[in-house]
PDB file of all heavy atoms in Angstrom:
ATOM      1  N   ASP A   1       6.219  -4.900  14.155  1.00  0.00           N
ATOM      2  CA  ASP A   1       4.981  -5.658  13.929  1.00  0.00           C
ATOM      3  C   ASP A   1       4.158  -5.071  12.781  1.00  0.00           C
ATOM      4  O   ASP A   1       3.406  -5.775  12.126  1.00  0.00           O
ATOM      5  CB  ASP A   1       4.145  -5.738  15.218  1.00  0.00           C
ATOM      6  CG  ASP A   1       3.787  -4.372  15.798  1.00  0.00           C
ATOM      7  OD1 ASP A   1       4.427  -3.359  15.417  1.00  0.00           O
ATOM      8  OD2 ASP A   1       2.886  -4.313  16.659  1.00  0.00           O
ATOM      9  N   ILE A   2       4.327  -3.765  12.543  1.00  0.00           N
ATOM     10  CA  ILE A   2       3.600  -3.086  11.461  1.00  0.00           C
ATOM     11  C   ILE A   2       4.610  -2.356  10.594  1.00  0.00           C
ATOM     12  O   ILE A   2       5.446  -1.597  11.100  1.00  0.00           O
ATOM     13  CB  ILE A   2       2.577  -2.063  12.010  1.00  0.00           C
ATOM     14  CG1 ILE A   2       1.554  -2.738  12.929  1.00  0.00           C
ATOM     15  CG2 ILE A   2       1.858  -1.340  10.850  1.00  0.00           C
ATOM     16  CD1 ILE A   2       0.673  -1.755  13.701  1.00  0.00           C
ATOM     17  N   THR A   3       4.545  -2.586   9.276  1.00  0.00           N
ATOM     18  CA  THR A   3       5.396  -1.844   8.338  1.00  0.00           C
ATOM     19  C   THR A   3       4.503  -1.029   7.419  1.00  0.00           C
ATOM     20  O   THR A   3       3.629  -1.572   6.740  1.00  0.00           O
ATOM     21  CB  THR A   3       6.274  -2.791   7.498  1.00  0.00           C
ATOM     22  OG1 THR A   3       7.120  -3.527   8.377  1.00  0.00           O
ATOM     23  CG2 THR A   3       7.135  -2.008   6.519  1.00  0.00           C
ATOM     24  N   VAL A   4       4.722   0.288   7.427  1.00  0.00           N
ATOM     25  CA  VAL A   4       3.974   1.212   6.569  1.00  0.00           C
ATOM     26  C   VAL A   4       4.786   1.428   5.297  1.00  0.00           C
ATOM     27  O   VAL A   4       5.949   1.824   5.353  1.00  0.00           O
ATOM     28  CB  VAL A   4       3.725   2.551   7.289  1.00  0.00           C
ATOM     29  CG1 VAL A   4       3.021   3.537   6.352  1.00  0.00           C
ATOM     30  CG2 VAL A   4       2.896   2.328   8.558  1.00  0.00           C
ATOM     31  N   LEU A   5       4.170   1.133   4.157  1.00  0.00           N
ATOM     32  CA  LEU A   5       4.808   1.357   2.870  1.00  0.00           C
ATOM     33  C   LEU A   5       4.174   2.591   2.237  1.00  0.00           C
ATOM     34  O   LEU A   5       3.013   2.553   1.805  1.00  0.00           O
ATOM     35  CB  LEU A   5       4.651   0.123   1.980  1.00  0.00           C
ATOM     36  CG  LEU A   5       5.302  -1.158   2.527  1.00  0.00           C
ATOM     37  CD1 LEU A   5       4.919  -2.360   1.695  1.00  0.00           C
ATOM     38  CD2 LEU A   5       6.812  -1.020   2.581  1.00  0.00           C
ATOM     39  N   ASP A   6       4.915   3.694   2.247  1.00  0.00           N
ATOM     40  CA  ASP A   6       4.444   4.990   1.747  1.00  0.00           C
ATOM     41  C   ASP A   6       4.680   5.023   0.236  1.00  0.00           C
ATOM     42  O   ASP A   6       5.805   5.206  -0.225  1.00  0.00           O
ATOM     43  CB  ASP A   6       5.231   6.090   2.482  1.00  0.00           C
ATOM     44  CG  ASP A   6       4.882   7.498   2.017  1.00  0.00           C
ATOM     45  OD1 ASP A   6       4.232   7.630   0.963  1.00  0.00           O
ATOM     46  OD2 ASP A   6       5.282   8.445   2.706  1.00  0.00           O
ATOM     47  N   ILE A   7       3.600   4.789  -0.529  1.00  0.00           N
ATOM     48  CA  ILE A   7       3.707   4.686  -1.992  1.00  0.00           C
ATOM     49  C   ILE A   7       2.684   5.630  -2.635  1.00  0.00           C
ATOM     50  O   ILE A   7       1.479   5.386  -2.586  1.00  0.00           O
ATOM     51  CB  ILE A   7       3.449   3.224  -2.457  1.00  0.00           C
ATOM     52  CG1 ILE A   7       4.424   2.258  -1.753  1.00  0.00           C
ATOM     53  CG2 ILE A   7       3.557   3.115  -3.973  1.00  0.00           C
ATOM     54  CD1 ILE A   7       4.205   0.795  -2.067  1.00  0.00           C
ATOM     55  N   PRO A   8       3.159   6.733  -3.253  1.00  0.00           N
ATOM     56  CA  PRO A   8       2.215   7.696  -3.844  1.00  0.00           C
ATOM     57  C   PRO A   8       1.239   7.057  -4.839  1.00  0.00           C
ATOM     58  O   PRO A   8       0.052   7.366  -4.829  1.00  0.00           O
ATOM     59  CB  PRO A   8       3.143   8.701  -4.544  1.00  0.00           C
ATOM     60  CG  PRO A   8       4.429   8.620  -3.797  1.00  0.00           C
ATOM     61  CD  PRO A   8       4.560   7.181  -3.367  1.00  0.00           C
ATOM     62  N   LEU A   9       1.741   6.156  -5.707  1.00  0.00           N
ATOM     63  CA  LEU A   9       0.880   5.529  -6.726  1.00  0.00           C
ATOM     64  C   LEU A   9       0.481   4.115  -6.303  1.00  0.00           C
ATOM     65  O   LEU A   9       0.527   3.170  -7.088  1.00  0.00           O
ATOM     66  CB  LEU A   9       1.598   5.518  -8.082  1.00  0.00           C
ATOM     67  CG  LEU A   9       1.992   6.903  -8.617  1.00  0.00           C
ATOM     68  CD1 LEU A   9       2.787   6.781  -9.894  1.00  0.00           C
ATOM     69  CD2 LEU A   9       0.767   7.782  -8.838  1.00  0.00           C
ATOM     70  N   LEU A  10       0.067   3.976  -5.042  1.00  0.00           N
ATOM     71  CA  LEU A  10      -0.282   2.675  -4.462  1.00  0.00           C
ATOM     72  C   LEU A  10      -1.343   1.948  -5.283  1.00  0.00           C
ATOM     73  O   LEU A  10      -1.167   0.791  -5.670  1.00  0.00           O
ATOM     74  CB  LEU A  10      -0.793   2.881  -3.026  1.00  0.00           C
ATOM     75  CG  LEU A  10      -1.204   1.626  -2.264  1.00  0.00           C
ATOM     76  CD1 LEU A  10       0.026   0.855  -1.804  1.00  0.00           C
ATOM     77  CD2 LEU A  10      -2.067   1.978  -1.054  1.00  0.00           C
ATOM     78  N   PHE A  11      -2.452   2.632  -5.560  1.00  0.00           N
ATOM     79  CA  PHE A  11      -3.551   2.001  -6.304  1.00  0.00           C
ATOM     80  C   PHE A  11      -3.269   1.992  -7.804  1.00  0.00           C
ATOM     81  O   PHE A  11      -3.529   1.000  -8.485  1.00  0.00           O
ATOM     82  CB  PHE A  11      -4.873   2.718  -6.016  1.00  0.00           C
ATOM     83  CG  PHE A  11      -5.321   2.586  -4.582  1.00  0.00           C
ATOM     84  CD1 PHE A  11      -5.465   3.707  -3.776  1.00  0.00           C
ATOM     85  CD2 PHE A  11      -5.573   1.341  -4.020  1.00  0.00           C
ATOM     86  CE1 PHE A  11      -5.866   3.595  -2.446  1.00  0.00           C
ATOM     87  CE2 PHE A  11      -5.973   1.209  -2.698  1.00  0.00           C
ATOM     88  CZ  PHE A  11      -6.117   2.336  -1.914  1.00  0.00           C
ATOM     89  N   GLU A  12      -2.697   3.092  -8.313  1.00  0.00           N
ATOM     90  CA  GLU A  12      -2.411   3.178  -9.749  1.00  0.00           C
ATOM     91  C   GLU A  12      -1.450   2.075 -10.185  1.00  0.00           C
ATOM     92  O   GLU A  12      -1.587   1.521 -11.281  1.00  0.00           O
ATOM     93  CB  GLU A  12      -1.789   4.548 -10.090  1.00  0.00           C
ATOM     94  CG  GLU A  12      -2.737   5.727  -9.923  1.00  0.00           C
ATOM     95  CD  GLU A  12      -2.682   6.368  -8.543  1.00  0.00           C
ATOM     96  OE1 GLU A  12      -2.362   5.659  -7.548  1.00  0.00           O
ATOM     97  OE2 GLU A  12      -2.970   7.558  -8.439  1.00  0.00           O
ATOM     98  N   GLY A  13      -0.487   1.753  -9.314  1.00  0.00           N
ATOM     99  CA  GLY A  13       0.517   0.740  -9.652  1.00  0.00           C
ATOM    100  C   GLY A  13       0.125  -0.669  -9.251  1.00  0.00           C
ATOM    101  O   GLY A  13       0.883  -1.619  -9.474  1.00  0.00           O
ATOM    102  N   GLY A  14      -1.052  -0.824  -8.637  1.00  0.00           N
ATOM    103  CA  GLY A  14      -1.515  -2.149  -8.218  1.00  0.00           C
ATOM    104  C   GLY A  14      -0.799  -2.694  -6.980  1.00  0.00           C
ATOM    105  O   GLY A  14      -0.890  -3.882  -6.669  1.00  0.00           O
ATOM    106  N   PHE A  15      -0.086  -1.814  -6.250  1.00  0.00           N
ATOM    107  CA  PHE A  15       0.661  -2.266  -5.070  1.00  0.00           C
ATOM    108  C   PHE A  15      -0.257  -2.628  -3.902  1.00  0.00           C
ATOM    109  O   PHE A  15       0.167  -3.302  -2.971  1.00  0.00           O
ATOM    110  CB  PHE A  15       1.662  -1.192  -4.625  1.00  0.00           C
ATOM    111  CG  PHE A  15       2.714  -0.892  -5.649  1.00  0.00           C
ATOM    112  CD1 PHE A  15       2.683   0.285  -6.375  1.00  0.00           C
ATOM    113  CD2 PHE A  15       3.727  -1.807  -5.923  1.00  0.00           C
ATOM    114  CE1 PHE A  15       3.640   0.565  -7.336  1.00  0.00           C
ATOM    115  CE2 PHE A  15       4.689  -1.539  -6.883  1.00  0.00           C
ATOM    116  CZ  PHE A  15       4.644  -0.356  -7.596  1.00  0.00           C
ATOM    117  N   ASP A  16      -1.513  -2.160  -3.951  1.00  0.00           N
ATOM    118  CA  ASP A  16      -2.448  -2.484  -2.878  1.00  0.00           C
ATOM    119  C   ASP A  16      -2.664  -4.001  -2.762  1.00  0.00           C
ATOM    120  O   ASP A  16      -2.984  -4.510  -1.694  1.00  0.00           O
ATOM    121  CB  ASP A  16      -3.795  -1.758  -3.074  1.00  0.00           C
ATOM    122  CG  ASP A  16      -4.399  -1.987  -4.456  1.00  0.00           C
ATOM    123  OD1 ASP A  16      -3.658  -1.902  -5.459  1.00  0.00           O
ATOM    124  OD2 ASP A  16      -5.613  -2.227  -4.535  1.00  0.00           O
ATOM    125  N   ALA A  17      -2.429  -4.728  -3.868  1.00  0.00           N
ATOM    126  CA  ALA A  17      -2.633  -6.185  -3.871  1.00  0.00           C
ATOM    127  C   ALA A  17      -1.662  -6.899  -2.923  1.00  0.00           C
ATOM    128  O   ALA A  17      -1.961  -7.979  -2.434  1.00  0.00           O
ATOM    129  CB  ALA A  17      -2.488  -6.735  -5.285  1.00  0.00           C
ATOM    130  N   MET A  18      -0.492  -6.302  -2.653  1.00  0.00           N
ATOM    131  CA  MET A  18       0.486  -6.949  -1.781  1.00  0.00           C
ATOM    132  C   MET A  18       0.341  -6.527  -0.320  1.00  0.00           C
ATOM    133  O   MET A  18       1.080  -7.004   0.543  1.00  0.00           O
ATOM    134  CB  MET A  18       1.919  -6.663  -2.272  1.00  0.00           C
ATOM    135  CG  MET A  18       2.339  -5.216  -2.179  1.00  0.00           C
ATOM    136  SD  MET A  18       4.069  -4.937  -2.684  1.00  0.00           S
ATOM    137  CE  MET A  18       4.934  -5.383  -1.188  1.00  0.00           C
ATOM    138  N   MET A  19      -0.622  -5.652  -0.028  1.00  0.00           N
ATOM    139  CA  MET A  19      -0.789  -5.120   1.329  1.00  0.00           C
ATOM    140  C   MET A  19      -1.820  -5.932   2.124  1.00  0.00           C
ATOM    141  O   MET A  19      -2.737  -6.519   1.568  1.00  0.00           O
ATOM    142  CB  MET A  19      -1.256  -3.661   1.282  1.00  0.00           C
ATOM    143  CG  MET A  19      -0.358  -2.736   0.480  1.00  0.00           C
ATOM    144  SD  MET A  19       1.303  -2.631   1.138  1.00  0.00           S
ATOM    145  CE  MET A  19       2.163  -1.978  -0.293  1.00  0.00           C
ATOM    146  N   ASP A  20      -1.659  -5.885   3.468  1.00  0.00           N
ATOM    147  CA  ASP A  20      -2.683  -6.462   4.344  1.00  0.00           C
ATOM    148  C   ASP A  20      -3.851  -5.489   4.517  1.00  0.00           C
ATOM    149  O   ASP A  20      -4.975  -5.904   4.778  1.00  0.00           O
ATOM    150  CB  ASP A  20      -2.065  -6.785   5.716  1.00  0.00           C
ATOM    151  CG  ASP A  20      -1.017  -7.899   5.602  1.00  0.00           C
ATOM    152  OD1 ASP A  20      -1.348  -8.957   5.033  1.00  0.00           O
ATOM    153  OD2 ASP A  20       0.123  -7.696   6.054  1.00  0.00           O
ATOM    154  N   ALA A  21      -3.563  -4.193   4.387  1.00  0.00           N
ATOM    155  CA  ALA A  21      -4.593  -3.154   4.478  1.00  0.00           C
ATOM    156  C   ALA A  21      -4.005  -1.877   3.883  1.00  0.00           C
ATOM    157  O   ALA A  21      -2.788  -1.789   3.664  1.00  0.00           O
ATOM    158  CB  ALA A  21      -5.018  -2.933   5.922  1.00  0.00           C
ATOM    159  N   THR A  22      -4.882  -0.895   3.627  1.00  0.00           N
ATOM    160  CA  THR A  22      -4.418   0.364   3.022  1.00  0.00           C
ATOM    161  C   THR A  22      -5.014   1.566   3.750  1.00  0.00           C
ATOM    162  O   THR A  22      -6.097   1.476   4.345  1.00  0.00           O
ATOM    163  CB  THR A  22      -4.796   0.443   1.533  1.00  0.00           C
ATOM    164  OG1 THR A  22      -6.217   0.255   1.404  1.00  0.00           O
ATOM    165  CG2 THR A  22      -4.075  -0.612   0.712  1.00  0.00           C
ATOM    166  N   VAL A  23      -4.278   2.674   3.683  1.00  0.00           N
ATOM    167  CA  VAL A  23      -4.727   3.946   4.271  1.00  0.00           C
ATOM    168  C   VAL A  23      -4.618   5.026   3.205  1.00  0.00           C
ATOM    169  O   VAL A  23      -3.592   5.139   2.531  1.00  0.00           O
ATOM    170  CB  VAL A  23      -3.840   4.360   5.473  1.00  0.00           C
ATOM    171  CG1 VAL A  23      -4.233   5.734   5.976  1.00  0.00           C
ATOM    172  CG2 VAL A  23      -3.930   3.348   6.598  1.00  0.00           C
ATOM    173  N   CYS A  24      -5.661   5.817   3.071  1.00  0.00           N
ATOM    174  CA  CYS A  24      -5.619   6.984   2.189  1.00  0.00           C
ATOM    175  C   CYS A  24      -5.678   8.245   3.052  1.00  0.00           C
ATOM    176  O   CYS A  24      -6.550   8.372   3.909  1.00  0.00           O
ATOM    177  CB  CYS A  24      -6.796   6.971   1.212  1.00  0.00           C
ATOM    178  SG  CYS A  24      -6.903   8.474   0.221  1.00  0.00           S
TER     179      CYS A  24
END
C-alpha cells in the first residue's frame, strides 16, 4: 500500500513532483 522511494537527490532532481508525499 506504501512504496518508499529512497532517492538521495530527491529535491535536486525534481523527483518530489512524482511523489504523493516526502520525508526528509
